[in-house]
Amino acid sequence: MVRFDPYAYETHEDPYPIYRRLRDKAPAYLDPDRGFWALSRYDDVRAALDDPATFSSAGGITLERGVESVEPMLIEMDPPRHTELRALVSRAFTPKRVAALEGSVRTLARSLIGRFAGTGCCDVIADFAARLPMAVISEMLGVPASDQDALREASDAMLHREPGSDALTPEGLRGAATVYGYFTELITARRARPGDDLVSALLAAQEAGRRLGDAEILGFCFLLVIAGNETTTKLIGNAVHWLAVFADQRAKLLADPSLLPGAVEEILRFDTSTQALARTLTRDVTLHGVTLPAGRKGLLLFGSANRDERRWDRPDELDVHRNPAGHLAFGHGIHHCLGAPLARLEARVALGELLPVLGDYTVEMAGAVRVHSGNVRGFARLPVHFTPHDPSGPRIEG
């Protein structure tokens, strides 16, 4: 019998053998203890994403009960409200707006790398990957640099779970209160004195008579600081880790910078930071001879779908020459990640600046620490050692 515990630390260390057993033996999984269901094959996950009327987001996108967001978030809405709100906030992530950020993202990346380039060692997460996305999102929201570390620590605390537990820790509860409290005050401040930031733009839309409440603005800020920060941090860390394991693929990127955009997509497919999101069934669904009951919450396993042998050749190999079009790292359908273009830009720039400096680096896995979350996969610490480098040297601008 196949058993799948999304909160077990051994699952977090390497979920992919468990995913394979689910796909082969229990593609429509019903957990006998917790009662959740899980879909693991690519075609099933994608079909569910294309059917929001059946696989509803309104019950929350985490499996935990009783910890759904206090304020309404776009990612936890169904049409028609989802359609209305997404049309409003999507203007912040147009290709033109995102492309305009590349210069500032690259400058910030070089500044962060310059702090450790000459030392020969760093914690890729603490020194780089956690700081770059947080700074970018904070600039968009109007959060000053002096407040970014506290917000990042609060969002980190919200992700952590104790072994086998789906409950927020006391630190996680305090982290949630910190994030909500901070943005409640920021919204009040921007209403009194607007700035050139996304919060001010959303308040202006509210003043213009559009259907946008303070609670929805607060929920959007919360979503950005969690999703826009944490998932990209883990993406960059996962990339550094796997390009050490697959050193031949790293060498290809250093030799041919034009491969970098495709390599980001392949890393997203191979080990996506968002491993799963929850949905709640609005009706009974029968798949593979198993009936998943209406009203029951379960998981769409993106990480498993992206390694499905039925969809991909050699799915357990990282191949920067692969065309991984169709991967589900950013979801699919009406909830396809709004921030995907920004995440792609940040990852491409980050790796383009970082890899030449790290060169033939090694990861100190004995000192690495994984994030323990039911949804997000990545590292909390990732120490690397490399030959000290002149930070003014060449970069890959892929």
Protein backbone atom coordinates (compact mmCIF):
# COMPACT_ATOMS: atom_id res chain seq x y z
CA MET A 1 0.00 0.00 0.00
CA VAL A 2 1.29 3.43 -0.95
CA ARG A 3 1.38 6.02 1.84
CA PHE A 4 2.05 9.71 1.23
CA ASP A 5 2.64 12.20 4.03
CA PRO A 6 3.29 15.74 2.72
CA TYR A 7 4.44 16.78 6.21
CA ALA A 8 7.02 14.04 6.77
CA TYR A 9 10.59 15.32 6.76
CA GLU A 10 11.73 12.33 4.68
CA THR A 11 9.22 13.42 2.04
CA HIS A 12 10.74 16.90 2.04
CA GLU A 13 14.24 15.49 1.60
CA ASP A 14 13.25 13.59 -1.56
CA PRO A 15 9.59 13.28 -2.58
CA TYR A 16 10.24 11.92 -6.06
CA PRO A 17 10.38 8.17 -5.28
CA ILE A 18 7.08 8.56 -3.40
CA TYR A 19 5.60 10.47 -6.32
CA ARG A 20 6.58 7.67 -8.69
CA ARG A 21 4.81 5.10 -6.51
CA LEU A 22 1.72 7.31 -6.40
CA ARG A 23 1.67 7.66 -10.18
CA ASP A 24 2.11 3.93 -10.70
CA LYS A 25 0.02 2.48 -7.86
CA ALA A 26 -2.37 5.17 -6.59
CA PRO A 27 -2.83 7.95 -9.16
CA ALA A 28 -6.05 8.96 -7.39
CA TYR A 29 -4.85 8.77 -3.80
CA LEU A 30 -7.09 8.94 -0.73
CA ASP A 31 -5.21 9.20 2.55
CA PRO A 32 -6.74 6.89 5.18
CA ASP A 33 -5.64 9.03 8.14
CA ARG A 34 -5.91 12.67 7.15
CA GLY A 35 -8.64 12.12 4.57
CA PHE A 36 -7.11 14.25 1.81
CA TRP A 37 -6.81 13.17 -1.81
CA ALA A 38 -3.89 13.70 -4.21
CA LEU A 39 -3.48 13.62 -7.97
CA SER A 40 0.02 12.86 -9.24
CA ARG A 41 -0.08 12.19 -13.00
CA TYR A 42 0.51 15.04 -15.42
CA ASP A 43 -2.70 14.65 -17.41
CA ASP A 44 -4.85 14.47 -14.27
CA VAL A 45 -3.25 17.51 -12.63
CA ARG A 46 -3.53 19.59 -15.77
CA ALA A 47 -7.15 18.58 -16.33
CA ALA A 48 -7.98 19.57 -12.76
CA LEU A 49 -6.36 22.97 -13.26
CA ASP A 50 -8.55 23.41 -16.34
CA ASP A 51 -11.70 22.67 -14.30
CA PRO A 52 -11.93 25.30 -11.53
CA ALA A 53 -15.68 24.75 -11.27
CA THR A 54 -14.97 21.26 -9.88
CA PHE A 55 -11.56 21.79 -8.31
CA SER A 56 -12.27 24.97 -6.37
CA SER A 57 -9.64 27.30 -4.91
CA ALA A 58 -12.11 28.97 -2.55
CA GLY A 59 -11.35 26.57 0.30
CA GLY A 60 -7.71 27.65 0.39
CA ILE A 61 -4.59 26.50 -1.43
CA THR A 62 -2.95 24.76 1.53
CA LEU A 63 -4.06 21.42 2.86
CA GLU A 64 -4.20 22.62 6.45
CA ARG A 65 -7.59 23.21 7.96
CA GLY A 66 -8.31 26.36 9.89
CA VAL A 67 -5.27 28.28 8.69
CA GLU A 68 -6.59 29.77 5.50
CA SER A 69 -5.70 33.42 5.05
CA VAL A 70 -7.55 35.94 7.15
CA GLU A 71 -7.97 38.21 4.15
CA PRO A 72 -9.17 37.20 0.65
CA MET A 73 -6.33 36.37 -1.73
CA LEU A 74 -6.54 36.15 -5.51
CA ILE A 75 -5.10 32.64 -5.48
CA GLU A 76 -7.97 31.51 -3.21
CA MET A 77 -10.81 32.87 -5.34
CA ASP A 78 -13.03 31.35 -8.00
CA PRO A 79 -14.73 33.19 -10.88
CA PRO A 80 -16.34 35.62 -11.23
CA ARG A 81 -14.53 37.57 -8.49
CA HIS A 82 -11.20 36.01 -9.42
CA THR A 83 -11.62 37.21 -12.99
CA GLU A 84 -12.40 40.77 -11.91
CA LEU A 85 -9.56 41.10 -9.44
CA ARG A 86 -6.98 39.41 -11.66
CA ALA A 87 -7.77 41.90 -14.43
CA LEU A 88 -6.97 44.72 -12.02
CA VAL A 89 -3.70 43.47 -10.54
CA SER A 90 -2.33 41.87 -13.71
CA ARG A 91 -1.37 45.33 -14.93
CA ALA A 92 1.58 45.25 -12.54
CA PHE A 93 3.04 42.22 -14.33
CA THR A 94 2.78 43.10 -18.01
CA PRO A 95 5.78 42.03 -20.12
CA LYS A 96 6.78 45.67 -20.55
CA ARG A 97 6.70 46.41 -16.82
CA VAL A 98 8.62 43.26 -15.95
CA ALA A 99 11.25 43.84 -18.65
CA ALA A 100 11.81 47.34 -17.31
CA LEU A 101 12.92 45.83 -14.00
CA GLU A 102 15.87 43.91 -15.46
CA GLY A 103 18.40 46.69 -14.99
CA SER A 104 17.62 47.18 -11.32
CA VAL A 105 17.48 43.42 -10.69
CA ARG A 106 20.91 42.99 -12.29
CA THR A 107 22.39 45.89 -10.32
CA LEU A 108 21.05 44.46 -7.08
CA ALA A 109 22.34 40.96 -7.93
CA ARG A 110 25.83 42.29 -8.60
CA SER A 111 25.80 44.27 -5.36
CA LEU A 112 24.83 41.21 -3.32
CA ILE A 113 27.41 38.99 -5.05
CA GLY A 114 30.10 41.60 -4.54
CA ARG A 115 29.83 41.14 -0.79
CA PHE A 116 31.06 37.52 -0.92
CA ALA A 117 32.74 37.09 -4.31
CA GLY A 118 36.22 37.55 -2.85
CA THR A 119 35.71 35.27 0.14
CA GLY A 120 35.39 31.84 -1.48
CA CYS A 121 32.32 30.84 0.48
CA CYS A 122 28.73 31.93 1.08
CA ASP A 123 25.30 30.73 2.09
CA VAL A 124 23.52 31.07 -1.23
CA ILE A 125 20.17 31.47 0.51
CA ALA A 126 20.98 33.95 3.29
CA ASP A 127 23.52 35.95 1.29
CA PHE A 128 21.79 36.05 -2.07
CA ALA A 129 18.68 34.04 -2.97
CA ALA A 130 16.57 35.25 -0.04
CA ARG A 131 17.55 38.87 -0.48
CA LEU A 132 17.13 39.41 -4.22
CA PRO A 133 13.41 38.51 -4.64
CA MET A 134 12.49 40.19 -1.36
CA ALA A 135 14.12 43.43 -2.47
CA VAL A 136 12.35 43.34 -5.84
CA ILE A 137 8.90 42.63 -4.36
CA SER A 138 9.49 45.22 -1.63
CA GLU A 139 10.32 47.87 -4.21
CA MET A 140 7.09 47.09 -6.04
CA LEU A 141 5.07 47.34 -2.83
CA GLY A 142 6.89 50.34 -1.39
CA VAL A 143 8.50 48.48 1.54
CA PRO A 144 11.74 50.21 2.65
CA ALA A 145 14.97 48.23 2.85
CA SER A 146 15.04 48.60 6.62
CA ASP A 147 11.87 46.48 6.96
CA GLN A 148 12.70 43.69 4.52
CA ASP A 149 14.61 41.35 6.83
CA ALA A 150 11.79 41.31 9.39
CA LEU A 151 9.17 40.58 6.72
CA ARG A 152 11.30 37.82 5.22
CA GLU A 153 11.80 36.19 8.61
CA ALA A 154 8.06 36.38 9.28
CA SER A 155 7.20 34.74 5.95
CA ASP A 156 9.84 32.02 6.53
CA ALA A 157 8.27 31.23 9.90
CA MET A 158 4.84 30.79 8.30
CA LEU A 159 6.12 28.02 6.01
CA HIS A 160 7.77 25.83 8.63
CA ARG A 161 6.04 22.71 9.94
CA GLU A 162 7.13 20.34 12.68
CA PRO A 163 7.59 16.67 11.67
CA GLY A 164 4.30 15.11 10.58
CA SER A 165 2.27 18.16 11.63
CA ASP A 166 0.03 20.32 9.45
CA ALA A 167 -0.29 23.04 12.10
CA LEU A 168 1.25 26.47 12.03
CA THR A 169 3.90 26.76 14.73
CA PRO A 170 3.64 29.53 17.35
CA GLU A 171 6.38 31.30 15.41
CA GLY A 172 4.34 30.91 12.23
CA LEU A 173 1.28 32.44 13.86
CA ARG A 174 3.36 35.38 15.03
CA GLY A 175 4.82 35.65 11.53
CA ALA A 176 1.33 35.86 10.00
CA ALA A 177 0.34 38.54 12.48
CA THR A 178 3.51 40.47 11.67
CA VAL A 179 2.91 40.41 7.92
CA TYR A 180 -0.77 41.34 8.18
CA GLY A 181 -0.07 44.06 10.72
CA TYR A 182 2.70 45.55 8.64
CA PHE A 183 0.65 45.82 5.46
CA THR A 184 -2.41 47.09 7.29
CA GLU A 185 -0.28 50.01 8.47
CA LEU A 186 1.30 50.45 5.03
CA ILE A 187 -2.11 50.66 3.34
CA THR A 188 -3.17 53.31 5.85
CA ALA A 189 0.04 55.27 5.26
CA ARG A 190 -0.28 55.12 1.47
CA ARG A 191 -3.89 56.25 1.60
CA ALA A 192 -2.75 59.37 3.46
CA ARG A 193 0.35 59.88 1.32
CA PRO A 194 0.40 57.95 -2.00
CA GLY A 195 3.69 56.93 -3.54
CA ASP A 196 4.97 55.39 -6.75
CA ASP A 197 4.25 51.80 -5.77
CA LEU A 198 1.72 49.02 -6.28
CA VAL A 199 -0.14 49.60 -3.01
CA SER A 200 -0.75 53.22 -3.99
CA ALA A 201 -1.87 52.13 -7.46
CA LEU A 202 -4.38 49.67 -5.98
CA LEU A 203 -5.71 52.34 -3.64
CA ALA A 204 -6.07 54.69 -6.62
CA ALA A 205 -8.11 52.00 -8.40
CA GLN A 206 -10.28 51.76 -5.31
CA GLU A 207 -10.81 55.51 -5.27
CA ALA A 208 -11.75 55.37 -8.95
CA GLY A 209 -14.78 53.32 -7.97
CA ARG A 210 -13.58 49.86 -8.95
CA ARG A 211 -14.72 46.95 -6.81
CA LEU A 212 -11.62 46.58 -4.68
CA GLY A 213 -11.79 46.48 -0.89
CA ASP A 214 -9.07 47.07 1.68
CA ALA A 215 -9.21 43.38 2.59
CA GLU A 216 -8.45 42.39 -1.00
CA ILE A 217 -5.54 44.85 -1.20
CA LEU A 218 -4.20 43.42 2.04
CA GLY A 219 -4.61 39.88 0.74
CA PHE A 220 -2.75 40.76 -2.45
CA CYS A 221 0.16 42.27 -0.48
CA PHE A 222 0.28 39.14 1.65
CA LEU A 223 0.30 36.90 -1.43
CA LEU A 224 3.09 38.87 -3.09
CA VAL A 225 5.38 38.89 -0.09
CA ILE A 226 4.90 35.14 0.43
CA ALA A 227 4.58 33.78 -3.10
CA GLY A 228 6.71 36.40 -4.83
CA ASN A 229 9.50 36.08 -2.32
CA GLU A 230 9.60 32.51 -1.03
CA THR A 231 9.08 30.59 -4.26
CA THR A 232 11.72 32.53 -6.21
CA THR A 233 14.17 32.22 -3.34
CA LYS A 234 13.72 28.46 -3.43
CA LEU A 235 13.95 28.38 -7.23
CA ILE A 236 17.38 30.06 -7.17
CA GLY A 237 18.60 27.83 -4.35
CA ASN A 238 17.34 24.68 -6.08
CA ALA A 239 19.12 25.75 -9.26
CA VAL A 240 22.45 26.21 -7.48
CA HIS A 241 22.05 22.83 -5.78
CA TRP A 242 21.16 20.86 -8.90
CA LEU A 243 23.77 22.56 -11.08
CA ALA A 244 26.33 21.26 -8.59
CA VAL A 245 24.90 17.74 -8.83
CA PHE A 246 24.68 17.94 -12.65
CA ALA A 247 28.04 19.67 -13.11
CA ASP A 248 28.09 18.85 -16.82
CA GLN A 249 24.92 20.93 -17.27
CA ARG A 250 26.48 23.81 -15.35
CA ALA A 251 29.49 23.67 -17.69
CA LYS A 252 27.16 23.91 -20.69
CA LEU A 253 25.59 27.08 -19.29
CA LEU A 254 28.97 28.67 -18.67
CA ALA A 255 30.05 27.78 -22.21
CA ASP A 256 26.81 28.89 -23.91
CA PRO A 257 24.88 31.69 -22.16
CA SER A 258 22.04 31.45 -24.68
CA LEU A 259 20.94 28.25 -22.90
CA LEU A 260 20.13 30.09 -19.68
CA PRO A 261 16.44 30.97 -20.27
CA GLY A 262 15.67 27.37 -21.25
CA ALA A 263 17.69 26.10 -18.31
CA VAL A 264 15.51 28.09 -15.92
CA GLU A 265 12.45 26.35 -17.40
CA GLU A 266 14.10 22.95 -17.06
CA ILE A 267 15.01 23.61 -13.42
CA LEU A 268 11.41 24.67 -12.80
CA ARG A 269 10.25 21.37 -14.28
CA PHE A 270 12.86 19.26 -12.54
CA ASP A 271 12.42 20.53 -8.97
CA THR A 272 9.79 23.22 -8.69
CA SER A 273 9.63 25.23 -5.49
CA THR A 274 5.81 24.98 -5.41
CA GLN A 275 5.36 21.23 -5.14
CA ALA A 276 1.61 21.23 -4.63
CA LEU A 277 -1.47 23.38 -4.16
CA ALA A 278 -4.76 22.35 -2.64
CA ARG A 279 -8.22 22.34 -4.17
CA THR A 280 -11.65 21.51 -2.74
CA LEU A 281 -14.04 19.34 -4.75
CA THR A 282 -17.46 20.75 -5.52
CA ARG A 283 -18.76 17.33 -6.66
CA ASP A 284 -17.77 13.69 -6.55
CA VAL A 285 -14.99 12.88 -9.01
CA THR A 286 -14.14 9.33 -10.05
CA LEU A 287 -10.64 8.74 -11.42
CA HIS A 288 -8.76 5.47 -11.89
CA GLY A 289 -11.59 3.59 -10.15
CA VAL A 290 -11.50 5.77 -7.04
CA THR A 291 -14.24 8.22 -6.08
CA LEU A 292 -12.98 11.43 -4.53
CA PRO A 293 -15.87 12.84 -2.48
CA ALA A 294 -17.44 16.28 -2.85
CA GLY A 295 -16.37 18.76 -0.20
CA ARG A 296 -13.04 17.04 0.38
CA LYS A 297 -9.80 19.01 0.10
CA GLY A 298 -6.78 17.51 -1.67
CA LEU A 299 -3.52 18.23 -3.46
CA LEU A 300 -2.55 18.73 -7.08
CA LEU A 301 1.05 17.50 -7.08
CA PHE A 302 2.88 19.76 -9.55
CA GLY A 303 6.24 18.28 -8.55
CA SER A 304 5.04 14.80 -9.45
CA ALA A 305 3.36 15.87 -12.70
CA ASN A 306 6.59 17.49 -13.84
CA ARG A 307 8.42 14.15 -13.42
CA ASP A 308 5.72 11.97 -15.00
CA GLU A 309 7.27 9.41 -17.37
CA ARG A 310 4.00 9.47 -19.32
CA ARG A 311 4.73 13.08 -20.30
CA TRP A 312 8.52 13.45 -20.26
CA ASP A 313 11.45 11.39 -21.57
CA ARG A 314 14.13 10.82 -18.91
CA PRO A 315 12.22 12.97 -16.40
CA ASP A 316 14.71 12.38 -13.58
CA GLU A 317 17.57 13.90 -15.56
CA LEU A 318 18.29 17.62 -15.62
CA ASP A 319 18.94 18.54 -19.26
CA VAL A 320 19.46 22.20 -20.17
CA HIS A 321 18.90 21.31 -23.83
CA ARG A 322 15.42 19.95 -23.10
CA ASN A 323 12.32 21.83 -24.20
CA PRO A 324 10.18 21.57 -21.03
CA ALA A 325 7.24 23.53 -22.45
CA GLY A 326 4.05 22.62 -20.64
CA HIS A 327 5.57 22.13 -17.20
CA LEU A 328 3.25 23.00 -14.33
CA ALA A 329 5.65 24.85 -12.03
CA PHE A 330 3.52 27.98 -12.36
CA GLY A 331 0.22 26.13 -12.51
CA HIS A 332 -2.05 26.34 -15.54
CA GLY A 333 -5.33 27.87 -16.59
CA ILE A 334 -7.05 30.74 -14.80
CA HIS A 335 -4.69 30.52 -11.80
CA HIS A 336 -1.48 30.46 -13.82
CA CYS A 337 0.97 32.43 -11.68
CA LEU A 338 0.73 36.17 -12.34
CA GLY A 339 4.31 36.65 -11.20
CA ALA A 340 5.78 33.98 -13.52
CA PRO A 341 7.45 36.52 -15.86
CA LEU A 342 9.08 38.22 -12.88
CA ALA A 343 10.26 34.93 -11.37
CA ARG A 344 11.76 33.93 -14.72
CA LEU A 345 13.54 37.27 -15.02
CA GLU A 346 14.93 37.12 -11.48
CA ALA A 347 16.14 33.53 -11.89
CA ARG A 348 17.75 34.21 -15.26
CA VAL A 349 19.54 37.32 -14.02
CA ALA A 350 20.50 35.70 -10.71
CA LEU A 351 22.10 32.67 -12.36
CA GLY A 352 23.68 34.77 -15.08
CA GLU A 353 25.44 36.88 -12.46
CA LEU A 354 26.14 34.14 -9.94
CA LEU A 355 27.41 31.15 -11.92
CA PRO A 356 30.55 32.80 -13.38
CA VAL A 357 31.53 34.00 -9.90
CA LEU A 358 30.99 30.59 -8.28
CA GLY A 359 32.72 28.79 -11.15
CA ASP A 360 33.51 25.16 -10.27
CA TYR A 361 31.79 25.40 -6.91
CA THR A 362 30.84 22.69 -4.43
CA VAL A 363 27.82 22.55 -2.14
CA GLU A 364 28.43 21.62 1.50
CA MET A 365 25.44 19.33 1.90
CA ALA A 366 26.36 18.55 5.52
CA GLY A 367 25.54 22.17 6.31
CA ALA A 368 22.49 22.46 4.06
CA VAL A 369 19.06 22.81 5.70
CA ARG A 370 15.81 22.15 3.90
CA VAL A 371 12.56 24.05 4.31
CA HIS A 372 9.92 21.85 5.93
CA SER A 373 6.59 22.78 4.39
CA GLY A 374 3.62 20.93 2.97
CA ASN A 375 3.73 22.96 -0.25
CA VAL A 376 7.13 24.55 -0.81
CA ARG A 377 10.40 22.71 -1.54
CA GLY A 378 13.79 24.31 -1.20
CA PHE A 379 16.57 25.22 1.16
CA ALA A 380 16.73 27.41 4.24
CA ARG A 381 20.54 27.21 4.15
CA LEU A 382 22.81 26.21 1.26
CA PRO A 383 26.56 26.72 1.94
CA VAL A 384 28.83 26.70 -1.11
CA HIS A 385 32.60 26.89 -1.55
CA PHE A 386 34.30 28.34 -4.60
CA THR A 387 37.50 29.97 -5.79
CA PRO A 388 37.51 33.67 -4.75
CA HIS A 389 36.58 35.81 -7.72
CA ASP A 390 37.05 39.37 -8.86
CA PRO A 391 33.44 40.67 -8.76
CA SER A 392 34.15 43.02 -11.66
CA GLY A 393 34.76 40.06 -13.97
CA PRO A 394 32.50 38.75 -16.77
CA ARG A 395 28.88 37.67 -16.36
CA ILE A 396 26.37 35.61 -18.32
CA GLU A 397 23.65 37.93 -19.50
CA GLY A 398 21.36 35.28 -20.93
